[in-house]
Amino acid sequence: MFEGLFQPMHLLVILGIALLVFGPKKLPELGKGLGESIRGFKAALSGSDTPSNPAPKEPSAPPPPSAKN
């Protein structure tokens, strides 16, 4: 069933190397970025213009105070 390149032991070794290289604090951020990129890729393949979970927009700057004369 798991013949070829991606056997369970190979995946564990890859995960261990990633843990050593990036550290335990950086791995969740990398996983989140990978998941977002996969979702964006799927959205592009399906032909939708916007991803199902768009990134939050930054709040706009408040209007300048009016001049008091």
N, C-alpha and C. Protein backbone atom coordinates (compact mmCIF):
# COMPACT_ATOMS: atom_id res chain seq x y z
N MET A 1 0.82 -1.19 0.00
CA MET A 1 0.00 0.00 0.00
C MET A 1 0.86 1.25 0.00
N PHE A 2 1.88 1.31 0.86
CA PHE A 2 2.74 2.48 0.94
C PHE A 2 4.06 2.21 0.23
N GLU A 3 4.01 1.73 -0.97
CA GLU A 3 5.24 1.48 -1.71
C GLU A 3 5.69 2.75 -2.39
N GLY A 4 6.97 2.90 -2.53
CA GLY A 4 7.49 4.06 -3.22
C GLY A 4 8.21 5.01 -2.29
N LEU A 5 8.17 6.27 -2.64
CA LEU A 5 8.97 7.28 -1.95
C LEU A 5 8.45 7.63 -0.57
N PHE A 6 7.14 7.81 -0.41
CA PHE A 6 6.59 8.32 0.84
C PHE A 6 6.07 7.20 1.74
N GLN A 7 6.96 6.46 2.32
CA GLN A 7 6.59 5.45 3.30
C GLN A 7 6.49 6.13 4.66
N PRO A 8 5.76 5.54 5.60
CA PRO A 8 5.60 6.18 6.91
C PRO A 8 6.93 6.51 7.60
N MET A 9 7.90 5.63 7.49
CA MET A 9 9.19 5.89 8.13
C MET A 9 9.89 7.09 7.48
N HIS A 10 9.76 7.21 6.17
CA HIS A 10 10.36 8.35 5.48
C HIS A 10 9.73 9.65 5.94
N LEU A 11 8.41 9.65 6.10
CA LEU A 11 7.73 10.86 6.55
C LEU A 11 8.15 11.24 7.97
N LEU A 12 8.37 10.25 8.83
CA LEU A 12 8.83 10.54 10.19
C LEU A 12 10.23 11.15 10.18
N VAL A 13 11.09 10.65 9.31
CA VAL A 13 12.44 11.20 9.21
C VAL A 13 12.39 12.64 8.70
N ILE A 14 11.55 12.89 7.69
CA ILE A 14 11.41 14.25 7.16
C ILE A 14 10.89 15.19 8.24
N LEU A 15 9.89 14.74 9.01
CA LEU A 15 9.35 15.56 10.09
C LEU A 15 10.42 15.84 11.16
N GLY A 16 11.23 14.84 11.48
CA GLY A 16 12.30 15.03 12.45
C GLY A 16 13.34 16.03 11.98
N ILE A 17 13.70 15.97 10.71
CA ILE A 17 14.67 16.91 10.16
C ILE A 17 14.09 18.33 10.17
N ALA A 18 12.81 18.46 9.81
CA ALA A 18 12.16 19.78 9.82
C ALA A 18 12.13 20.33 11.23
N LEU A 19 11.88 19.48 12.22
CA LEU A 19 11.87 19.92 13.61
C LEU A 19 13.24 20.42 14.04
N LEU A 20 14.28 19.73 13.62
CA LEU A 20 15.64 20.17 13.97
C LEU A 20 16.02 21.47 13.27
N VAL A 21 15.62 21.62 12.02
CA VAL A 21 16.02 22.80 11.25
C VAL A 21 15.25 24.04 11.68
N PHE A 22 13.91 23.93 11.79
CA PHE A 22 13.09 25.10 12.04
C PHE A 22 12.76 25.32 13.51
N GLY A 23 12.79 24.29 14.31
CA GLY A 23 12.46 24.42 15.72
C GLY A 23 10.97 24.26 15.97
N PRO A 24 10.62 23.93 17.20
CA PRO A 24 9.21 23.65 17.51
C PRO A 24 8.30 24.88 17.46
N LYS A 25 8.85 26.07 17.61
CA LYS A 25 8.01 27.27 17.59
C LYS A 25 7.65 27.70 16.18
N LYS A 26 8.47 27.38 15.22
CA LYS A 26 8.25 27.82 13.84
C LYS A 26 7.39 26.83 13.04
N LEU A 27 7.34 25.57 13.44
CA LEU A 27 6.60 24.56 12.66
C LEU A 27 5.11 24.87 12.52
N PRO A 28 4.40 25.31 13.56
CA PRO A 28 2.97 25.63 13.36
C PRO A 28 2.74 26.73 12.33
N GLU A 29 3.62 27.73 12.32
CA GLU A 29 3.50 28.80 11.33
C GLU A 29 3.72 28.26 9.93
N LEU A 30 4.69 27.37 9.77
CA LEU A 30 4.95 26.78 8.46
C LEU A 30 3.77 25.93 8.02
N GLY A 31 3.18 25.18 8.95
CA GLY A 31 2.01 24.36 8.62
C GLY A 31 0.82 25.21 8.20
N LYS A 32 0.63 26.32 8.89
CA LYS A 32 -0.48 27.22 8.56
C LYS A 32 -0.27 27.81 7.17
N GLY A 33 0.94 28.24 6.88
CA GLY A 33 1.23 28.79 5.56
C GLY A 33 1.06 27.77 4.45
N LEU A 34 1.46 26.54 4.72
CA LEU A 34 1.29 25.47 3.74
C LEU A 34 -0.18 25.20 3.49
N GLY A 35 -0.97 25.16 4.56
CA GLY A 35 -2.40 24.93 4.41
C GLY A 35 -3.08 26.03 3.63
N GLU A 36 -2.71 27.29 3.89
CA GLU A 36 -3.29 28.41 3.16
C GLU A 36 -2.91 28.36 1.69
N SER A 37 -1.68 27.98 1.40
CA SER A 37 -1.26 27.91 0.00
C SER A 37 -1.98 26.78 -0.73
N ILE A 38 -2.21 25.66 -0.06
CA ILE A 38 -2.95 24.56 -0.69
C ILE A 38 -4.39 24.97 -0.94
N ARG A 39 -5.02 25.67 0.03
CA ARG A 39 -6.39 26.16 -0.18
C ARG A 39 -6.46 27.14 -1.35
N GLY A 40 -5.49 28.02 -1.44
CA GLY A 40 -5.45 28.96 -2.55
C GLY A 40 -5.26 28.27 -3.89
N PHE A 41 -4.42 27.24 -3.90
CA PHE A 41 -4.19 26.47 -5.13
C PHE A 41 -5.46 25.75 -5.56
N LYS A 42 -6.18 25.16 -4.60
CA LYS A 42 -7.44 24.48 -4.92
C LYS A 42 -8.47 25.48 -5.44
N ALA A 43 -8.51 26.66 -4.83
CA ALA A 43 -9.45 27.69 -5.28
C ALA A 43 -9.13 28.14 -6.70
N ALA A 44 -7.84 28.24 -7.01
CA ALA A 44 -7.45 28.63 -8.36
C ALA A 44 -7.80 27.55 -9.37
N LEU A 45 -7.66 26.29 -8.98
CA LEU A 45 -8.02 25.20 -9.89
C LEU A 45 -9.52 25.14 -10.13
N SER A 46 -10.31 25.43 -9.11
CA SER A 46 -11.76 25.36 -9.27
C SER A 46 -12.29 26.57 -10.02
N GLY A 47 -11.51 27.61 -10.17
CA GLY A 47 -11.89 28.77 -10.95
C GLY A 47 -12.51 29.89 -10.16
N SER A 48 -12.60 29.76 -8.85
CA SER A 48 -13.15 30.86 -8.06
C SER A 48 -12.09 31.95 -7.92
N ASP A 49 -12.55 33.20 -7.93
CA ASP A 49 -11.61 34.32 -7.86
C ASP A 49 -11.12 34.58 -6.44
N THR A 50 -11.94 34.28 -5.45
CA THR A 50 -11.56 34.54 -4.08
C THR A 50 -11.44 33.22 -3.33
N PRO A 51 -10.45 33.09 -2.46
CA PRO A 51 -10.35 31.88 -1.65
C PRO A 51 -11.50 31.80 -0.65
N SER A 52 -11.79 30.60 -0.17
CA SER A 52 -12.92 30.42 0.75
C SER A 52 -12.69 31.10 2.09
N ASN A 53 -11.44 31.29 2.48
CA ASN A 53 -11.12 31.93 3.75
C ASN A 53 -10.13 33.06 3.49
N PRO A 54 -10.59 34.23 3.06
CA PRO A 54 -9.65 35.30 2.72
C PRO A 54 -8.94 35.82 3.96
N ALA A 55 -7.77 36.38 3.72
CA ALA A 55 -6.99 36.94 4.82
C ALA A 55 -7.70 38.19 5.34
N PRO A 56 -7.65 38.42 6.64
CA PRO A 56 -8.32 39.61 7.19
C PRO A 56 -7.65 40.87 6.69
N LYS A 57 -8.48 41.86 6.39
CA LYS A 57 -7.96 43.13 5.92
C LYS A 57 -7.54 43.98 7.11
N GLU A 58 -6.51 44.79 6.87
CA GLU A 58 -6.06 45.68 7.93
C GLU A 58 -7.07 46.83 8.07
N PRO A 59 -7.30 47.28 9.29
CA PRO A 59 -8.26 48.39 9.45
C PRO A 59 -7.72 49.65 8.79
N SER A 60 -8.63 50.40 8.22
CA SER A 60 -8.21 51.63 7.56
C SER A 60 -7.89 52.70 8.61
N ALA A 61 -7.09 53.65 8.20
CA ALA A 61 -6.69 54.72 9.11
C ALA A 61 -7.90 55.60 9.40
N PRO A 62 -8.02 56.11 10.62
CA PRO A 62 -9.16 56.99 10.93
C PRO A 62 -9.01 58.30 10.16
N PRO A 63 -10.13 58.94 9.86
CA PRO A 63 -10.06 60.20 9.11
C PRO A 63 -9.34 61.27 9.95
N PRO A 64 -8.68 62.21 9.28
CA PRO A 64 -7.97 63.25 10.04
C PRO A 64 -8.97 64.12 10.79
N PRO A 65 -8.57 64.65 11.94
CA PRO A 65 -9.47 65.51 12.69
C PRO A 65 -9.79 66.78 11.92
N SER A 66 -11.02 67.24 12.05
CA SER A 66 -11.41 68.46 11.34
C SER A 66 -10.77 69.67 12.03
N ALA A 67 -10.43 70.66 11.22
CA ALA A 67 -9.80 71.87 11.74
C ALA A 67 -10.85 72.73 12.44
N LYS A 68 -10.53 73.14 13.64
CA LYS A 68 -11.46 74.01 14.39
C LYS A 68 -10.96 75.45 14.30
N ASN A 69 -11.81 76.34 13.82
CA ASN A 69 -11.42 77.74 13.70
C ASN A 69 -12.10 78.58 14.73
